Amino acid sequence: MINPVIDELEKEYLKSELPTFNAGDTVKVFVKIVEGNKERIQAFEGTIIKLHGSGLNKTITVRKVFQGVGVERVFLVNSPRIDRIEVLRRGDVKRSKLYYLRERSGKATRIKEKIEKK
């Protein structure tokens, strides 16, 4: 962090209850959707293919396949529109960017699950 004044201002907007996640993890992102005067929460479940940035500007790109079409969404992790993020599976991958999943389909998109020691 370069400027301590900016860091101090950003500190109040950072979310503290975020889980740790990496590329290859399967997550469920709960997004607040505003329709007219109603507000609801919509879940988006998929695999993290990219982490970008740090601090207040940290984003994740989540990919899922819906009805045979690949859908990717970029989420600003510390946004007030994000209600919560749940990590469903931990992926065991050797890369930080999983762009190769875009060309694959079916069983070829499977990622090994990381087995954690107790």
C-alpha atoms as a PDB file:
ATOM      1  CA  MET A   1       0.000   0.000   0.000  1.00  0.00           C
ATOM      2  CA  ILE A   2       1.540   3.209  -1.169  1.00  0.00           C
ATOM      3  CA  ASN A   3      -0.445   6.041   0.382  1.00  0.00           C
ATOM      4  CA  PRO A   4      -1.334   5.705   4.095  1.00  0.00           C
ATOM      5  CA  VAL A   5      -4.171   8.251   3.785  1.00  0.00           C
ATOM      6  CA  ILE A   6      -5.910   6.239   1.070  1.00  0.00           C
ATOM      7  CA  ASP A   7      -5.308   3.008   3.001  1.00  0.00           C
ATOM      8  CA  GLU A   8      -6.957   4.499   6.082  1.00  0.00           C
ATOM      9  CA  LEU A   9     -10.013   5.580   4.070  1.00  0.00           C
ATOM     10  CA  GLU A  10     -10.354   2.202   2.335  1.00  0.00           C
ATOM     11  CA  LYS A  11     -10.060   0.257   5.594  1.00  0.00           C
ATOM     12  CA  GLU A  12     -13.652   1.025   6.649  1.00  0.00           C
ATOM     13  CA  TYR A  13     -15.048  -0.412   3.372  1.00  0.00           C
ATOM     14  CA  LEU A  14     -13.147  -3.707   3.500  1.00  0.00           C
ATOM     15  CA  LYS A  15     -15.212  -6.750   4.428  1.00  0.00           C
ATOM     16  CA  SER A  16     -13.851  -8.705   7.363  1.00  0.00           C
ATOM     17  CA  GLU A  17     -15.961 -11.872   7.143  1.00  0.00           C
ATOM     18  CA  LEU A  18     -14.664 -13.041   3.746  1.00  0.00           C
ATOM     19  CA  PRO A  19     -13.458 -16.641   3.430  1.00  0.00           C
ATOM     20  CA  THR A  20     -10.116 -17.438   1.827  1.00  0.00           C
ATOM     21  CA  PHE A  21     -10.422 -18.635  -1.751  1.00  0.00           C
ATOM     22  CA  ASN A  22      -8.139 -19.321  -4.698  1.00  0.00           C
ATOM     23  CA  ALA A  23      -8.430 -20.129  -8.374  1.00  0.00           C
ATOM     24  CA  GLY A  24     -10.057 -23.515  -8.903  1.00  0.00           C
ATOM     25  CA  ASP A  25     -12.376 -23.240  -5.899  1.00  0.00           C
ATOM     26  CA  THR A  26     -16.090 -23.737  -6.427  1.00  0.00           C
ATOM     27  CA  VAL A  27     -17.932 -20.877  -4.769  1.00  0.00           C
ATOM     28  CA  LYS A  28     -21.473 -19.627  -4.360  1.00  0.00           C
ATOM     29  CA  VAL A  29     -21.709 -15.833  -4.537  1.00  0.00           C
ATOM     30  CA  PHE A  30     -24.898 -14.301  -3.138  1.00  0.00           C
ATOM     31  CA  VAL A  31     -25.639 -11.016  -4.947  1.00  0.00           C
ATOM     32  CA  LYS A  32     -28.229  -8.419  -3.934  1.00  0.00           C
ATOM     33  CA  ILE A  33     -30.494  -7.643  -6.896  1.00  0.00           C
ATOM     34  CA  VAL A  34     -32.723  -4.547  -6.868  1.00  0.00           C
ATOM     35  CA  GLU A  35     -35.877  -4.751  -9.015  1.00  0.00           C
ATOM     36  CA  GLY A  36     -38.045  -1.663  -8.706  1.00  0.00           C
ATOM     37  CA  ASN A  37     -38.504  -1.136  -4.991  1.00  0.00           C
ATOM     38  CA  LYS A  38     -37.886  -4.793  -4.060  1.00  0.00           C
ATOM     39  CA  GLU A  39     -34.535  -6.302  -3.147  1.00  0.00           C
ATOM     40  CA  ARG A  40     -33.708  -9.995  -3.356  1.00  0.00           C
ATOM     41  CA  ILE A  41     -30.638 -12.188  -3.128  1.00  0.00           C
ATOM     42  CA  GLN A  42     -29.572 -14.275  -6.112  1.00  0.00           C
ATOM     43  CA  ALA A  43     -26.926 -17.000  -5.934  1.00  0.00           C
ATOM     44  CA  PHE A  44     -24.300 -17.523  -8.642  1.00  0.00           C
ATOM     45  CA  GLU A  45     -22.409 -20.800  -8.294  1.00  0.00           C
ATOM     46  CA  GLY A  46     -19.311 -21.588 -10.305  1.00  0.00           C
ATOM     47  CA  THR A  47     -15.557 -22.041 -10.411  1.00  0.00           C
ATOM     48  CA  ILE A  48     -13.139 -19.199  -9.788  1.00  0.00           C
ATOM     49  CA  ILE A  49     -10.957 -18.890 -12.891  1.00  0.00           C
ATOM     50  CA  LYS A  50      -9.226 -15.630 -12.001  1.00  0.00           C
ATOM     51  CA  LEU A  51      -8.303 -13.504  -8.991  1.00  0.00           C
ATOM     52  CA  HIS A  52      -7.294  -9.922  -9.667  1.00  0.00           C
ATOM     53  CA  GLY A  53      -6.220  -6.943  -7.608  1.00  0.00           C
ATOM     54  CA  SER A  54      -5.918  -6.515  -3.875  1.00  0.00           C
ATOM     55  CA  GLY A  55      -7.479  -4.587  -1.061  1.00  0.00           C
ATOM     56  CA  LEU A  56     -10.642  -2.724  -1.959  1.00  0.00           C
ATOM     57  CA  ASN A  57     -10.206  -3.426  -5.693  1.00  0.00           C
ATOM     58  CA  LYS A  58     -10.002  -7.231  -5.413  1.00  0.00           C
ATOM     59  CA  THR A  59     -12.125  -9.033  -8.010  1.00  0.00           C
ATOM     60  CA  ILE A  60     -12.889 -12.644  -8.816  1.00  0.00           C
ATOM     61  CA  THR A  61     -14.085 -14.063 -12.119  1.00  0.00           C
ATOM     62  CA  VAL A  62     -16.517 -16.941 -11.634  1.00  0.00           C
ATOM     63  CA  ARG A  63     -17.453 -19.289 -14.487  1.00  0.00           C
ATOM     64  CA  LYS A  64     -20.334 -21.718 -14.776  1.00  0.00           C
ATOM     65  CA  VAL A  65     -21.990 -23.561 -17.642  1.00  0.00           C
ATOM     66  CA  PHE A  66     -25.738 -22.970 -17.879  1.00  0.00           C
ATOM     67  CA  GLN A  67     -27.763 -24.859 -20.526  1.00  0.00           C
ATOM     68  CA  GLY A  68     -24.626 -25.581 -22.526  1.00  0.00           C
ATOM     69  CA  VAL A  69     -23.438 -21.958 -22.570  1.00  0.00           C
ATOM     70  CA  GLY A  70     -20.476 -20.752 -20.522  1.00  0.00           C
ATOM     71  CA  VAL A  71     -21.319 -17.770 -18.314  1.00  0.00           C
ATOM     72  CA  GLU A  72     -18.646 -15.689 -16.593  1.00  0.00           C
ATOM     73  CA  ARG A  73     -19.230 -12.901 -14.099  1.00  0.00           C
ATOM     74  CA  VAL A  74     -16.718 -10.600 -12.483  1.00  0.00           C
ATOM     75  CA  PHE A  75     -17.461  -9.761  -8.846  1.00  0.00           C
ATOM     76  CA  LEU A  76     -15.930  -6.952  -6.830  1.00  0.00           C
ATOM     77  CA  VAL A  77     -15.309  -8.864  -3.598  1.00  0.00           C
ATOM     78  CA  ASN A  78     -15.740  -5.911  -1.225  1.00  0.00           C
ATOM     79  CA  SER A  79     -18.810  -4.505  -2.975  1.00  0.00           C
ATOM     80  CA  PRO A  80     -21.889  -3.762  -0.854  1.00  0.00           C
ATOM     81  CA  ARG A  81     -23.917  -5.652  -3.512  1.00  0.00           C
ATOM     82  CA  ILE A  82     -22.211  -8.901  -2.470  1.00  0.00           C
ATOM     83  CA  ASP A  83     -24.126 -10.378   0.463  1.00  0.00           C
ATOM     84  CA  ARG A  84     -21.763 -13.272   1.163  1.00  0.00           C
ATOM     85  CA  ILE A  85     -19.457 -15.794  -0.500  1.00  0.00           C
ATOM     86  CA  GLU A  86     -19.450 -19.492   0.392  1.00  0.00           C
ATOM     87  CA  VAL A  87     -16.653 -21.848  -0.610  1.00  0.00           C
ATOM     88  CA  LEU A  88     -18.182 -25.208  -1.567  1.00  0.00           C
ATOM     89  CA  ARG A  89     -15.077 -27.084  -2.800  1.00  0.00           C
ATOM     90  CA  ARG A  90     -11.372 -26.360  -2.739  1.00  0.00           C
ATOM     91  CA  GLY A  91      -9.730 -27.001  -6.099  1.00  0.00           C
ATOM     92  CA  ASP A  92      -6.242 -28.439  -6.472  1.00  0.00           C
ATOM     93  CA  VAL A  93      -4.769 -26.545  -9.433  1.00  0.00           C
ATOM     94  CA  LYS A  94      -1.248 -25.564 -10.438  1.00  0.00           C
ATOM     95  CA  ARG A  95      -2.107 -22.276 -12.163  1.00  0.00           C
ATOM     96  CA  SER A  96      -3.424 -18.953 -10.992  1.00  0.00           C
ATOM     97  CA  LYS A  97      -5.475 -18.241 -14.125  1.00  0.00           C
ATOM     98  CA  LEU A  98      -7.665 -21.059 -15.445  1.00  0.00           C
ATOM     99  CA  TYR A  99      -8.508 -19.651 -18.868  1.00  0.00           C
ATOM    100  CA  TYR A 100      -8.014 -23.093 -20.433  1.00  0.00           C
ATOM    101  CA  LEU A 101     -11.408 -24.125 -18.972  1.00  0.00           C
ATOM    102  CA  ARG A 102     -13.094 -21.931 -21.597  1.00  0.00           C
ATOM    103  CA  GLU A 103     -12.150 -24.317 -24.408  1.00  0.00           C
ATOM    104  CA  ARG A 104     -13.145 -27.458 -22.514  1.00  0.00           C
ATOM    105  CA  SER A 105     -16.559 -28.971 -21.986  1.00  0.00           C
ATOM    106  CA  GLY A 106     -18.119 -31.832 -20.074  1.00  0.00           C
ATOM    107  CA  LYS A 107     -15.873 -34.031 -17.962  1.00  0.00           C
ATOM    108  CA  ALA A 108     -12.753 -32.241 -19.209  1.00  0.00           C
ATOM    109  CA  THR A 109     -13.626 -29.257 -17.011  1.00  0.00           C
ATOM    110  CA  ARG A 110     -13.382 -31.227 -13.774  1.00  0.00           C
ATOM    111  CA  ILE A 111     -10.870 -30.030 -11.190  1.00  0.00           C
ATOM    112  CA  LYS A 112      -9.347 -32.263  -8.544  1.00  0.00           C
ATOM    113  CA  GLU A 113     -10.474 -31.512  -5.021  1.00  0.00           C
ATOM    114  CA  LYS A 114      -7.816 -30.455  -2.536  1.00  0.00           C
ATOM    115  CA  ILE A 115      -7.648 -32.802   0.429  1.00  0.00           C
ATOM    116  CA  GLU A 116      -6.750 -30.882   3.556  1.00  0.00           C
ATOM    117  CA  LYS A 117      -4.917 -32.465   6.451  1.00  0.00           C
ATOM    118  CA  LYS A 118      -6.408 -32.291   9.911  1.00  0.00           C
END
